[in-house]
Amino acid sequence: MARQQSLLTSWSQYVPMRVIASLVACCPIELNMQSSKLIGNLYYKLNPTRRKRAIENIRASFPSMSEEEAQQLAKKSIEHMFQLFVAEGVQMPSLITPSTWQKYVTFKNIDQVVKRLSNNQPTIFITGHCGNWELLGYVLSVLGYPIAAVARPLDNPLINDWVLGVRERFGLQIVTKWGGVPVLQDLIQDNTSIGFIADQNAGDRGVFVPFFGRLASTYKSIGLLAMRYNIPIAAVHAKRIDGRFSYEVSVHDFIEPNDWADQPDPLYYITARYNKAMESMIRSAPEQYLWLHRRWKSRPKFEVKNDPIPKKLLQQLESLPWMTENELSSLTDCYH
């Protein structure tokens, strides 16, 4: 839940941010992309805690990668983050409009999604903290499709209201994730598609599924919504092209009700499958992932207690159609 701030603190943060945003908006996007990249480089050098976390996550996800390669990838990831927040976050609303979006966005492999949207059938969209995770919902709203996005409210209410106003300019609805499930149910019944950033750490009560060779806690709500309303999940990636403000939006997986209908544990199957799709997105452009994100913060209770892997979890892992013996061994050997 968003923390309460004093009015003085809120204004002291809000005013400088609006001034900086106004200055950024006056400059060409190409200049801002280069400038924010330099700021990200500086942040990488001056913040050892975040730098170390990013490198550790990279080394754990790519065991064969050298320390030097991991450092370079971590630096590029943080540079991308600043380009996303500073340059694109400010200028995306003015650049992507109903008359200009084609200059900056191309779509790939989206036939199934287009068919559902054209027929006014809701879809659950998921992506991770990779590429530009704000772009999909925004561009779909620009194109006139009904869509809502689930987001955490910002701690500063003034900045939160400003950001919401920008996001909702063309009809994108923002649902705060605190107590938002009833709202999402109403939206789906009203044929509105829902977008999630699905690689959030879900705490001790989440579903622990494979993600880059480790178990990662994932929220149950996405799979439960899909199962309850019998609607597909589209795993979509907005990948930056050639370091510019130019994006390719592509579907990495399209999970339909028929896919999980005969699975022994449908919820586990859905959750594991879209995590697999997010992993595919990240591998296609690892420098565009938020590696300092604490994706693996929560650990399964049996791991914390140093107990053997539960039989039920082992059965869930074995039931995944794509699970190989090598992958299963990699996931489970450390718990023996």
C-alpha atoms as a PDB file:
ATOM      1  CA  MET A   1       0.000   0.000   0.000  1.00  0.00           C
ATOM      2  CA  ALA A   2       1.199   3.519  -0.750  1.00  0.00           C
ATOM      3  CA  ARG A   3       2.811   5.216   2.251  1.00  0.00           C
ATOM      4  CA  GLN A   4       1.354   8.431   3.646  1.00  0.00           C
ATOM      5  CA  GLN A   5       3.454  11.556   3.020  1.00  0.00           C
ATOM      6  CA  SER A   6       3.276  14.990   4.559  1.00  0.00           C
ATOM      7  CA  LEU A   7       1.966  17.782   2.336  1.00  0.00           C
ATOM      8  CA  LEU A   8       5.341  19.557   2.500  1.00  0.00           C
ATOM      9  CA  THR A   9       7.204  16.424   1.368  1.00  0.00           C
ATOM     10  CA  SER A  10       4.725  15.840  -1.444  1.00  0.00           C
ATOM     11  CA  TRP A  11       5.074  19.362  -2.819  1.00  0.00           C
ATOM     12  CA  SER A  12       8.866  19.392  -2.392  1.00  0.00           C
ATOM     13  CA  GLN A  13       9.029  16.324  -4.652  1.00  0.00           C
ATOM     14  CA  TYR A  14       6.268  17.286  -7.050  1.00  0.00           C
ATOM     15  CA  VAL A  15       7.440  20.778  -8.036  1.00  0.00           C
ATOM     16  CA  PRO A  16      11.030  19.810  -9.012  1.00  0.00           C
ATOM     17  CA  MET A  17       9.733  16.785 -10.922  1.00  0.00           C
ATOM     18  CA  ARG A  18       7.318  18.921 -12.939  1.00  0.00           C
ATOM     19  CA  VAL A  19      10.100  21.422 -13.675  1.00  0.00           C
ATOM     20  CA  ILE A  20      12.437  18.651 -14.856  1.00  0.00           C
ATOM     21  CA  ALA A  21       9.645  17.099 -16.934  1.00  0.00           C
ATOM     22  CA  SER A  22       8.976  20.456 -18.590  1.00  0.00           C
ATOM     23  CA  LEU A  23      12.654  20.848 -19.467  1.00  0.00           C
ATOM     24  CA  VAL A  24      12.831  17.315 -20.839  1.00  0.00           C
ATOM     25  CA  ALA A  25       9.707  17.900 -22.920  1.00  0.00           C
ATOM     26  CA  CYS A  26      11.365  20.872 -24.624  1.00  0.00           C
ATOM     27  CA  CYS A  27      14.245  18.774 -25.972  1.00  0.00           C
ATOM     28  CA  PRO A  28      14.268  16.279 -28.866  1.00  0.00           C
ATOM     29  CA  ILE A  29      13.699  12.683 -27.823  1.00  0.00           C
ATOM     30  CA  GLU A  30      17.065  11.653 -29.338  1.00  0.00           C
ATOM     31  CA  LEU A  31      18.925  14.109 -27.101  1.00  0.00           C
ATOM     32  CA  ASN A  32      16.967  13.017 -24.037  1.00  0.00           C
ATOM     33  CA  MET A  33      17.698   9.343 -24.749  1.00  0.00           C
ATOM     34  CA  GLN A  34      21.443  10.080 -24.832  1.00  0.00           C
ATOM     35  CA  SER A  35      21.340  12.315 -21.762  1.00  0.00           C
ATOM     36  CA  SER A  36      19.337   9.857 -19.662  1.00  0.00           C
ATOM     37  CA  LYS A  37      21.717   7.070 -20.712  1.00  0.00           C
ATOM     38  CA  LEU A  38      24.601   9.077 -19.279  1.00  0.00           C
ATOM     39  CA  ILE A  39      22.645   9.634 -16.065  1.00  0.00           C
ATOM     40  CA  GLY A  40      22.045   5.883 -15.845  1.00  0.00           C
ATOM     41  CA  ASN A  41      25.761   5.242 -16.311  1.00  0.00           C
ATOM     42  CA  LEU A  42      26.511   7.631 -13.457  1.00  0.00           C
ATOM     43  CA  TYR A  43      23.879   5.975 -11.255  1.00  0.00           C
ATOM     44  CA  TYR A  44      25.455   2.576 -11.962  1.00  0.00           C
ATOM     45  CA  LYS A  45      28.849   3.842 -10.804  1.00  0.00           C
ATOM     46  CA  LEU A  46      27.613   5.670  -7.699  1.00  0.00           C
ATOM     47  CA  ASN A  47      25.097   3.147  -6.333  1.00  0.00           C
ATOM     48  CA  PRO A  48      27.006   0.012  -5.267  1.00  0.00           C
ATOM     49  CA  THR A  49      23.986  -1.616  -3.585  1.00  0.00           C
ATOM     50  CA  ARG A  50      21.770  -1.571  -6.668  1.00  0.00           C
ATOM     51  CA  ARG A  51      24.723  -2.390  -8.925  1.00  0.00           C
ATOM     52  CA  LYS A  52      25.601  -5.444  -6.844  1.00  0.00           C
ATOM     53  CA  ARG A  53      21.993  -6.665  -6.792  1.00  0.00           C
ATOM     54  CA  ALA A  54      21.673  -6.377 -10.581  1.00  0.00           C
ATOM     55  CA  ILE A  55      24.957  -8.229 -11.159  1.00  0.00           C
ATOM     56  CA  GLU A  56      24.001 -10.993  -8.718  1.00  0.00           C
ATOM     57  CA  ASN A  57      20.634 -11.495 -10.420  1.00  0.00           C
ATOM     58  CA  ILE A  58      22.316 -11.648 -13.820  1.00  0.00           C
ATOM     59  CA  ARG A  59      24.975 -14.132 -12.717  1.00  0.00           C
ATOM     60  CA  ALA A  60      22.327 -16.382 -11.151  1.00  0.00           C
ATOM     61  CA  SER A  61      20.183 -16.224 -14.306  1.00  0.00           C
ATOM     62  CA  PHE A  62      23.081 -16.742 -16.735  1.00  0.00           C
ATOM     63  CA  PRO A  63      25.533 -19.040 -14.898  1.00  0.00           C
ATOM     64  CA  SER A  64      27.898 -19.248 -17.864  1.00  0.00           C
ATOM     65  CA  MET A  65      28.274 -15.463 -18.088  1.00  0.00           C
ATOM     66  CA  SER A  66      31.553 -13.976 -16.922  1.00  0.00           C
ATOM     67  CA  GLU A  67      31.773 -11.322 -14.221  1.00  0.00           C
ATOM     68  CA  GLU A  68      32.789  -8.707 -16.788  1.00  0.00           C
ATOM     69  CA  GLU A  69      29.861  -9.592 -19.070  1.00  0.00           C
ATOM     70  CA  ALA A  70      27.473  -9.430 -16.114  1.00  0.00           C
ATOM     71  CA  GLN A  71      28.782  -5.990 -15.160  1.00  0.00           C
ATOM     72  CA  GLN A  72      28.324  -4.693 -18.699  1.00  0.00           C
ATOM     73  CA  LEU A  73      24.788  -6.093 -18.860  1.00  0.00           C
ATOM     74  CA  ALA A  74      23.914  -4.563 -15.488  1.00  0.00           C
ATOM     75  CA  LYS A  75      25.184  -1.169 -16.673  1.00  0.00           C
ATOM     76  CA  LYS A  76      23.145  -1.345 -19.881  1.00  0.00           C
ATOM     77  CA  SER A  77      20.068  -2.389 -17.891  1.00  0.00           C
ATOM     78  CA  ILE A  78      20.313   0.642 -15.606  1.00  0.00           C
ATOM     79  CA  GLU A  79      20.943   2.929 -18.573  1.00  0.00           C
ATOM     80  CA  HIS A  80      17.791   1.529 -20.181  1.00  0.00           C
ATOM     81  CA  MET A  81      15.855   2.138 -16.963  1.00  0.00           C
ATOM     82  CA  PHE A  82      16.789   5.840 -16.937  1.00  0.00           C
ATOM     83  CA  GLN A  83      15.981   6.209 -20.631  1.00  0.00           C
ATOM     84  CA  LEU A  84      12.594   4.654 -19.924  1.00  0.00           C
ATOM     85  CA  PHE A  85      11.758   6.757 -16.869  1.00  0.00           C
ATOM     86  CA  VAL A  86      13.348  10.100 -17.757  1.00  0.00           C
ATOM     87  CA  ALA A  87      13.052  10.406 -21.535  1.00  0.00           C
ATOM     88  CA  GLU A  88      10.274   8.078 -22.662  1.00  0.00           C
ATOM     89  CA  GLY A  89       8.138   8.447 -19.564  1.00  0.00           C
ATOM     90  CA  VAL A  90       7.866  12.186 -20.129  1.00  0.00           C
ATOM     91  CA  GLN A  91       7.646  12.276 -23.930  1.00  0.00           C
ATOM     92  CA  MET A  92       5.685   9.132 -24.812  1.00  0.00           C
ATOM     93  CA  PRO A  93       2.262  10.853 -24.449  1.00  0.00           C
ATOM     94  CA  SER A  94       3.222  13.619 -26.885  1.00  0.00           C
ATOM     95  CA  LEU A  95       4.910  11.283 -29.378  1.00  0.00           C
ATOM     96  CA  ILE A  96       2.373   8.432 -29.453  1.00  0.00           C
ATOM     97  CA  THR A  97      -0.990   9.799 -30.529  1.00  0.00           C
ATOM     98  CA  PRO A  98      -3.770   8.503 -32.812  1.00  0.00           C
ATOM     99  CA  SER A  99      -2.061  10.153 -35.782  1.00  0.00           C
ATOM    100  CA  THR A 100       1.617   9.440 -34.990  1.00  0.00           C
ATOM    101  CA  TRP A 101       1.893   6.041 -33.267  1.00  0.00           C
ATOM    102  CA  GLN A 102       2.896   4.225 -36.477  1.00  0.00           C
ATOM    103  CA  LYS A 103       6.117   6.232 -36.576  1.00  0.00           C
ATOM    104  CA  TYR A 104       7.287   4.658 -33.319  1.00  0.00           C
ATOM    105  CA  VAL A 105       5.511   1.310 -32.900  1.00  0.00           C
ATOM    106  CA  THR A 106       5.320  -1.814 -35.065  1.00  0.00           C
ATOM    107  CA  PHE A 107       3.359  -4.964 -34.257  1.00  0.00           C
ATOM    108  CA  LYS A 108       4.454  -8.547 -34.823  1.00  0.00           C
ATOM    109  CA  ASN A 109       2.614 -11.863 -34.407  1.00  0.00           C
ATOM    110  CA  ILE A 110      -0.555 -10.289 -32.981  1.00  0.00           C
ATOM    111  CA  ASP A 111      -3.269 -11.911 -35.143  1.00  0.00           C
ATOM    112  CA  GLN A 112      -4.966 -13.702 -32.243  1.00  0.00           C
ATOM    113  CA  VAL A 113      -4.978 -10.551 -30.135  1.00  0.00           C
ATOM    114  CA  VAL A 114      -6.359  -8.385 -32.957  1.00  0.00           C
ATOM    115  CA  LYS A 115      -9.140 -10.895 -33.584  1.00  0.00           C
ATOM    116  CA  ARG A 116     -10.301 -10.767 -29.961  1.00  0.00           C
ATOM    117  CA  LEU A 117     -10.049  -6.989 -29.699  1.00  0.00           C
ATOM    118  CA  SER A 118     -11.926  -6.523 -32.978  1.00  0.00           C
ATOM    119  CA  ASN A 119     -14.686  -8.833 -31.730  1.00  0.00           C
ATOM    120  CA  ASN A 120     -14.896  -6.901 -28.429  1.00  0.00           C
ATOM    121  CA  GLN A 121     -13.702  -9.949 -26.457  1.00  0.00           C
ATOM    122  CA  PRO A 122     -11.571  -9.289 -23.379  1.00  0.00           C
ATOM    123  CA  THR A 123      -8.015 -10.581 -23.065  1.00  0.00           C
ATOM    124  CA  ILE A 124      -5.602 -10.638 -20.140  1.00  0.00           C
ATOM    125  CA  PHE A 125      -2.312  -9.057 -21.206  1.00  0.00           C
ATOM    126  CA  ILE A 126       0.862  -9.724 -19.243  1.00  0.00           C
ATOM    127  CA  THR A 127       4.391  -8.450 -19.546  1.00  0.00           C
ATOM    128  CA  GLY A 128       7.394  -8.085 -17.268  1.00  0.00           C
ATOM    129  CA  HIS A 129       9.754  -5.286 -16.309  1.00  0.00           C
ATOM    130  CA  CYS A 130      11.350  -5.559 -19.726  1.00  0.00           C
ATOM    131  CA  GLY A 131      11.371  -3.257 -22.724  1.00  0.00           C
ATOM    132  CA  ASN A 132       8.752  -0.547 -22.192  1.00  0.00           C
ATOM    133  CA  TRP A 133       6.115  -2.143 -19.969  1.00  0.00           C
ATOM    134  CA  GLU A 134       3.971   1.016 -20.038  1.00  0.00           C
ATOM    135  CA  LEU A 135       3.730   1.089 -23.833  1.00  0.00           C
ATOM    136  CA  LEU A 136       1.304  -1.767 -24.554  1.00  0.00           C
ATOM    137  CA  GLY A 137      -1.659  -0.494 -22.545  1.00  0.00           C
ATOM    138  CA  TYR A 138      -1.031   3.064 -23.655  1.00  0.00           C
ATOM    139  CA  VAL A 139      -0.866   2.318 -27.386  1.00  0.00           C
ATOM    140  CA  LEU A 140      -3.957   0.069 -27.252  1.00  0.00           C
ATOM    141  CA  SER A 141      -5.887   2.903 -25.597  1.00  0.00           C
ATOM    142  CA  VAL A 142      -4.584   5.279 -28.292  1.00  0.00           C
ATOM    143  CA  LEU A 143      -6.001   2.869 -30.881  1.00  0.00           C
ATOM    144  CA  GLY A 144      -9.379   3.039 -29.140  1.00  0.00           C
ATOM    145  CA  TYR A 145      -9.552  -0.418 -27.527  1.00  0.00           C
ATOM    146  CA  PRO A 146     -11.014  -0.658 -24.012  1.00  0.00           C
ATOM    147  CA  ILE A 147      -8.213  -1.654 -21.650  1.00  0.00           C
ATOM    148  CA  ALA A 148      -7.345  -1.272 -17.990  1.00  0.00           C
ATOM    149  CA  ALA A 149      -3.944  -1.660 -16.329  1.00  0.00           C
ATOM    150  CA  VAL A 150      -3.179  -2.762 -12.796  1.00  0.00           C
ATOM    151  CA  ALA A 151      -0.637  -0.506 -11.080  1.00  0.00           C
ATOM    152  CA  ARG A 152       0.699   0.261  -7.635  1.00  0.00           C
ATOM    153  CA  PRO A 153      -0.250   3.782  -6.487  1.00  0.00           C
ATOM    154  CA  LEU A 154       2.736   6.087  -6.004  1.00  0.00           C
ATOM    155  CA  ASP A 155       3.560   7.242  -2.488  1.00  0.00           C
ATOM    156  CA  ASN A 156       3.311  10.915  -3.468  1.00  0.00           C
ATOM    157  CA  PRO A 157      -0.378  11.697  -4.182  1.00  0.00           C
ATOM    158  CA  LEU A 158       0.439  14.783  -6.284  1.00  0.00           C
ATOM    159  CA  ILE A 159       2.815  12.872  -8.545  1.00  0.00           C
ATOM    160  CA  ASN A 160       0.411   9.938  -8.591  1.00  0.00           C
ATOM    161  CA  ASP A 161      -2.472  12.115  -9.830  1.00  0.00           C
ATOM    162  CA  TRP A 162      -0.254  13.721 -12.467  1.00  0.00           C
ATOM    163  CA  VAL A 163       1.017  10.368 -13.770  1.00  0.00           C
ATOM    164  CA  LEU A 164      -2.508   8.926 -13.813  1.00  0.00           C
ATOM    165  CA  GLY A 165      -3.728  11.882 -15.832  1.00  0.00           C
ATOM    166  CA  VAL A 166      -1.015  11.280 -18.426  1.00  0.00           C
ATOM    167  CA  ARG A 167      -1.650   7.537 -18.596  1.00  0.00           C
ATOM    168  CA  GLU A 168      -5.409   7.904 -18.891  1.00  0.00           C
ATOM    169  CA  ARG A 169      -5.338  10.602 -21.588  1.00  0.00           C
ATOM    170  CA  PHE A 170      -6.681   8.318 -24.317  1.00  0.00           C
ATOM    171  CA  GLY A 171      -8.940   6.107 -22.199  1.00  0.00           C
ATOM    172  CA  LEU A 172      -6.570   3.702 -20.441  1.00  0.00           C
ATOM    173  CA  GLN A 173      -8.070   2.882 -17.047  1.00  0.00           C
ATOM    174  CA  ILE A 174      -5.719   2.451 -14.090  1.00  0.00           C
ATOM    175  CA  VAL A 175      -6.728   0.090 -11.291  1.00  0.00           C
ATOM    176  CA  THR A 176      -4.686   0.234  -8.097  1.00  0.00           C
ATOM    177  CA  LYS A 177      -3.820  -3.286  -7.079  1.00  0.00           C
ATOM    178  CA  TRP A 178      -4.915  -2.784  -3.474  1.00  0.00           C
ATOM    179  CA  GLY A 179      -8.353  -4.368  -3.383  1.00  0.00           C
ATOM    180  CA  GLY A 180      -8.696  -4.185  -7.163  1.00  0.00           C
ATOM    181  CA  VAL A 181      -9.936  -7.726  -7.877  1.00  0.00           C
ATOM    182  CA  PRO A 182     -13.700  -6.889  -7.716  1.00  0.00           C
ATOM    183  CA  VAL A 183     -13.070  -3.956 -10.077  1.00  0.00           C
ATOM    184  CA  LEU A 184     -11.221  -6.241 -12.511  1.00  0.00           C
ATOM    185  CA  GLN A 185     -14.088  -8.700 -12.478  1.00  0.00           C
ATOM    186  CA  ASP A 186     -16.531  -5.929 -13.383  1.00  0.00           C
ATOM    187  CA  LEU A 187     -14.251  -4.726 -16.180  1.00  0.00           C
ATOM    188  CA  ILE A 188     -13.908  -8.192 -17.703  1.00  0.00           C
ATOM    189  CA  GLN A 189     -17.656  -8.689 -17.606  1.00  0.00           C
ATOM    190  CA  ASP A 190     -17.875  -5.363 -19.449  1.00  0.00           C
ATOM    191  CA  ASN A 191     -15.539  -6.754 -22.167  1.00  0.00           C
ATOM    192  CA  THR A 192     -12.564  -4.641 -21.107  1.00  0.00           C
ATOM    193  CA  SER A 193      -9.107  -6.193 -21.439  1.00  0.00           C
ATOM    194  CA  ILE A 194      -6.767  -6.131 -18.439  1.00  0.00           C
ATOM    195  CA  GLY A 195      -3.009  -5.582 -18.376  1.00  0.00           C
ATOM    196  CA  PHE A 196      -0.616  -6.796 -15.671  1.00  0.00           C
ATOM    197  CA  ILE A 197       3.089  -6.429 -15.021  1.00  0.00           C
ATOM    198  CA  ALA A 198       3.350 -10.056 -14.002  1.00  0.00           C
ATOM    199  CA  ASP A 199       6.900 -10.451 -12.666  1.00  0.00           C
ATOM    200  CA  GLN A 200       6.214  -8.850  -9.287  1.00  0.00           C
ATOM    201  CA  ASN A 201       7.374 -10.777  -6.229  1.00  0.00           C
ATOM    202  CA  ALA A 202       4.191 -12.139  -4.631  1.00  0.00           C
ATOM    203  CA  GLY A 203       5.483 -12.870  -1.131  1.00  0.00           C
ATOM    204  CA  ASP A 204       5.284 -16.058   0.892  1.00  0.00           C
ATOM    205  CA  ARG A 205       1.766 -16.916  -0.311  1.00  0.00           C
ATOM    206  CA  GLY A 206       2.482 -16.728  -4.019  1.00  0.00           C
ATOM    207  CA  VAL A 207       2.762 -19.622  -6.463  1.00  0.00           C
ATOM    208  CA  PHE A 208       6.421 -20.657  -6.754  1.00  0.00           C
ATOM    209  CA  VAL A 209       7.171 -21.390 -10.405  1.00  0.00           C
ATOM    210  CA  PRO A 210      10.407 -21.633 -12.424  1.00  0.00           C
ATOM    211  CA  PHE A 211      11.940 -18.385 -13.642  1.00  0.00           C
ATOM    212  CA  PHE A 212      15.505 -18.394 -14.979  1.00  0.00           C
ATOM    213  CA  GLY A 213      16.292 -21.670 -13.235  1.00  0.00           C
ATOM    214  CA  ARG A 214      15.018 -20.603  -9.814  1.00  0.00           C
ATOM    215  CA  LEU A 215      11.653 -20.730  -8.100  1.00  0.00           C
ATOM    216  CA  ALA A 216       9.996 -17.300  -8.077  1.00  0.00           C
ATOM    217  CA  SER A 217       6.899 -16.275  -6.141  1.00  0.00           C
ATOM    218  CA  THR A 218       4.098 -15.184  -8.502  1.00  0.00           C
ATOM    219  CA  TYR A 219       0.597 -13.832  -7.867  1.00  0.00           C
ATOM    220  CA  LYS A 220      -2.321 -16.235  -8.269  1.00  0.00           C
ATOM    221  CA  SER A 221      -4.811 -13.578  -9.386  1.00  0.00           C
ATOM    222  CA  ILE A 222      -3.921 -13.630 -13.101  1.00  0.00           C
ATOM    223  CA  GLY A 223      -4.472 -17.353 -13.491  1.00  0.00           C
ATOM    224  CA  LEU A 224      -7.572 -17.303 -11.318  1.00  0.00           C
ATOM    225  CA  LEU A 225      -9.152 -14.523 -13.410  1.00  0.00           C
ATOM    226  CA  ALA A 226      -8.374 -16.383 -16.642  1.00  0.00           C
ATOM    227  CA  MET A 227      -9.873 -19.606 -15.278  1.00  0.00           C
ATOM    228  CA  ARG A 228     -12.953 -17.974 -13.805  1.00  0.00           C
ATOM    229  CA  TYR A 229     -13.884 -16.080 -16.979  1.00  0.00           C
ATOM    230  CA  ASN A 230     -12.419 -18.571 -19.454  1.00  0.00           C
ATOM    231  CA  ILE A 231     -10.395 -15.940 -21.305  1.00  0.00           C
ATOM    232  CA  PRO A 232      -6.909 -16.197 -22.838  1.00  0.00           C
ATOM    233  CA  ILE A 233      -3.668 -14.660 -21.612  1.00  0.00           C
ATOM    234  CA  ALA A 234      -1.435 -12.863 -24.124  1.00  0.00           C
ATOM    235  CA  ALA A 235       2.206 -12.509 -23.101  1.00  0.00           C
ATOM    236  CA  VAL A 236       3.331  -9.355 -24.916  1.00  0.00           C
ATOM    237  CA  HIS A 237       6.716  -7.672 -25.144  1.00  0.00           C
ATOM    238  CA  ALA A 238       7.410  -4.073 -26.226  1.00  0.00           C
ATOM    239  CA  LYS A 239      11.103  -4.247 -27.202  1.00  0.00           C
ATOM    240  CA  ARG A 240      13.143  -1.152 -27.962  1.00  0.00           C
ATOM    241  CA  ILE A 241      14.849  -1.272 -31.360  1.00  0.00           C
ATOM    242  CA  ASP A 242      18.371   0.034 -32.006  1.00  0.00           C
ATOM    243  CA  GLY A 243      18.497   2.127 -28.843  1.00  0.00           C
ATOM    244  CA  ARG A 244      15.972   4.629 -30.191  1.00  0.00           C
ATOM    245  CA  PHE A 245      12.434   5.518 -29.201  1.00  0.00           C
ATOM    246  CA  SER A 246      11.154   2.820 -31.521  1.00  0.00           C
ATOM    247  CA  TYR A 247       9.393  -0.333 -30.381  1.00  0.00           C
ATOM    248  CA  GLU A 248       8.391  -3.719 -31.728  1.00  0.00           C
ATOM    249  CA  VAL A 249       5.352  -5.089 -29.903  1.00  0.00           C
ATOM    250  CA  SER A 250       5.130  -8.872 -30.211  1.00  0.00           C
ATOM    251  CA  VAL A 251       3.223 -11.761 -28.644  1.00  0.00           C
ATOM    252  CA  HIS A 252       5.546 -14.353 -27.098  1.00  0.00           C
ATOM    253  CA  ASP A 253       2.759 -16.707 -26.052  1.00  0.00           C
ATOM    254  CA  PHE A 254      -1.021 -16.886 -26.269  1.00  0.00           C
ATOM    255  CA  ILE A 255      -2.449 -19.151 -23.583  1.00  0.00           C
ATOM    256  CA  GLU A 256      -5.989 -20.280 -24.323  1.00  0.00           C
ATOM    257  CA  PRO A 257      -8.514 -22.058 -22.063  1.00  0.00           C
ATOM    258  CA  ASN A 258      -8.123 -25.259 -24.068  1.00  0.00           C
ATOM    259  CA  ASP A 259      -4.432 -25.278 -23.160  1.00  0.00           C
ATOM    260  CA  TRP A 260      -5.047 -25.590 -19.435  1.00  0.00           C
ATOM    261  CA  ALA A 261      -8.344 -27.494 -19.454  1.00  0.00           C
ATOM    262  CA  ASP A 262      -6.763 -30.954 -19.174  1.00  0.00           C
ATOM    263  CA  GLN A 263      -3.793 -30.042 -16.999  1.00  0.00           C
ATOM    264  CA  PRO A 264      -3.596 -31.727 -13.564  1.00  0.00           C
ATOM    265  CA  ASP A 265      -3.088 -28.326 -11.893  1.00  0.00           C
ATOM    266  CA  PRO A 266      -4.428 -25.595 -14.235  1.00  0.00           C
ATOM    267  CA  LEU A 267      -3.438 -22.662 -12.006  1.00  0.00           C
ATOM    268  CA  TYR A 268       0.135 -23.859 -11.674  1.00  0.00           C
ATOM    269  CA  TYR A 269       0.328 -24.554 -15.424  1.00  0.00           C
ATOM    270  CA  ILE A 270      -0.918 -21.072 -16.383  1.00  0.00           C
ATOM    271  CA  THR A 271       1.356 -19.305 -13.915  1.00  0.00           C
ATOM    272  CA  ALA A 272       4.424 -21.296 -14.935  1.00  0.00           C
ATOM    273  CA  ARG A 273       3.699 -20.885 -18.644  1.00  0.00           C
ATOM    274  CA  TYR A 274       3.419 -17.116 -18.660  1.00  0.00           C
ATOM    275  CA  ASN A 275       6.575 -16.893 -16.549  1.00  0.00           C
ATOM    276  CA  LYS A 276       8.261 -18.991 -19.224  1.00  0.00           C
ATOM    277  CA  ALA A 277       6.983 -16.487 -21.813  1.00  0.00           C
ATOM    278  CA  MET A 278       8.385 -13.569 -19.809  1.00  0.00           C
ATOM    279  CA  GLU A 279      11.718 -15.345 -19.638  1.00  0.00           C
ATOM    280  CA  SER A 280      11.613 -15.594 -23.436  1.00  0.00           C
ATOM    281  CA  MET A 281      11.000 -11.845 -23.666  1.00  0.00           C
ATOM    282  CA  ILE A 282      13.943 -11.077 -21.425  1.00  0.00           C
ATOM    283  CA  ARG A 283      16.317 -13.418 -23.247  1.00  0.00           C
ATOM    284  CA  SER A 284      15.501 -11.635 -26.505  1.00  0.00           C
ATOM    285  CA  ALA A 285      16.812  -8.339 -25.045  1.00  0.00           C
ATOM    286  CA  PRO A 286      18.392  -8.939 -21.600  1.00  0.00           C
ATOM    287  CA  GLU A 287      19.810  -5.404 -21.484  1.00  0.00           C
ATOM    288  CA  GLN A 288      16.218  -4.113 -21.367  1.00  0.00           C
ATOM    289  CA  TYR A 289      15.256  -5.983 -18.192  1.00  0.00           C
ATOM    290  CA  LEU A 290      15.149  -4.383 -14.750  1.00  0.00           C
ATOM    291  CA  TRP A 291      17.790  -6.649 -13.189  1.00  0.00           C
ATOM    292  CA  LEU A 292      17.905  -4.661  -9.973  1.00  0.00           C
ATOM    293  CA  HIS A 293      14.249  -5.688  -9.448  1.00  0.00           C
ATOM    294  CA  ARG A 294      13.903  -8.029  -6.420  1.00  0.00           C
ATOM    295  CA  ARG A 295      12.141 -10.778  -8.344  1.00  0.00           C
ATOM    296  CA  TRP A 296      13.431 -13.661  -6.208  1.00  0.00           C
ATOM    297  CA  LYS A 297      13.137 -11.948  -2.820  1.00  0.00           C
ATOM    298  CA  SER A 298      10.605 -14.372  -1.286  1.00  0.00           C
ATOM    299  CA  ARG A 299      11.652 -17.973  -0.847  1.00  0.00           C
ATOM    300  CA  PRO A 300       9.494 -21.108  -0.377  1.00  0.00           C
ATOM    301  CA  LYS A 301       8.953 -22.120   3.230  1.00  0.00           C
ATOM    302  CA  PHE A 302      10.618 -25.495   2.721  1.00  0.00           C
ATOM    303  CA  GLU A 303      13.739 -23.733   1.401  1.00  0.00           C
ATOM    304  CA  VAL A 304      13.876 -21.361   4.374  1.00  0.00           C
ATOM    305  CA  LYS A 305      13.561 -24.341   6.750  1.00  0.00           C
ATOM    306  CA  ASN A 306      16.099 -26.354   4.719  1.00  0.00           C
ATOM    307  CA  ASP A 307      13.527 -29.119   4.246  1.00  0.00           C
ATOM    308  CA  PRO A 308      13.249 -31.423   1.187  1.00  0.00           C
ATOM    309  CA  ILE A 309      11.171 -30.169  -1.727  1.00  0.00           C
ATOM    310  CA  PRO A 310       7.487 -31.026  -1.081  1.00  0.00           C
ATOM    311  CA  LYS A 311       6.087 -33.903  -3.090  1.00  0.00           C
ATOM    312  CA  LYS A 312       3.207 -31.765  -4.372  1.00  0.00           C
ATOM    313  CA  LEU A 313       5.565 -29.119  -5.774  1.00  0.00           C
ATOM    314  CA  LEU A 314       7.725 -31.772  -7.382  1.00  0.00           C
ATOM    315  CA  GLN A 315       4.637 -33.238  -9.048  1.00  0.00           C
ATOM    316  CA  GLN A 316       3.605 -29.768 -10.243  1.00  0.00           C
ATOM    317  CA  LEU A 317       7.023 -29.213 -11.796  1.00  0.00           C
ATOM    318  CA  GLU A 318       7.044 -32.653 -13.417  1.00  0.00           C
ATOM    319  CA  SER A 319       3.596 -32.036 -14.908  1.00  0.00           C
ATOM    320  CA  LEU A 320       4.765 -29.041 -16.979  1.00  0.00           C
ATOM    321  CA  PRO A 321       4.847 -30.259 -20.609  1.00  0.00           C
ATOM    322  CA  TRP A 322       8.020 -28.325 -21.460  1.00  0.00           C
ATOM    323  CA  MET A 323       9.976 -29.378 -18.376  1.00  0.00           C
ATOM    324  CA  THR A 324      13.098 -31.374 -19.282  1.00  0.00           C
ATOM    325  CA  GLU A 325      15.064 -33.673 -16.978  1.00  0.00           C
ATOM    326  CA  ASN A 326      18.008 -31.277 -16.978  1.00  0.00           C
ATOM    327  CA  GLU A 327      15.819 -28.310 -16.059  1.00  0.00           C
ATOM    328  CA  LEU A 328      14.072 -30.283 -13.332  1.00  0.00           C
ATOM    329  CA  SER A 329      17.404 -31.413 -11.894  1.00  0.00           C
ATOM    330  CA  SER A 330      18.688 -27.854 -11.924  1.00  0.00           C
ATOM    331  CA  LEU A 331      15.618 -26.693 -10.003  1.00  0.00           C
ATOM    332  CA  THR A 332      15.514 -29.498  -7.443  1.00  0.00           C
ATOM    333  CA  ASP A 333      19.074 -30.765  -6.856  1.00  0.00           C
ATOM    334  CA  CYS A 334      19.895 -27.964  -4.434  1.00  0.00           C
ATOM    335  CA  TYR A 335      17.041 -29.089  -2.161  1.00  0.00           C
ATOM    336  CA  HIS A 336      18.223 -32.658  -1.647  1.00  0.00           C
END
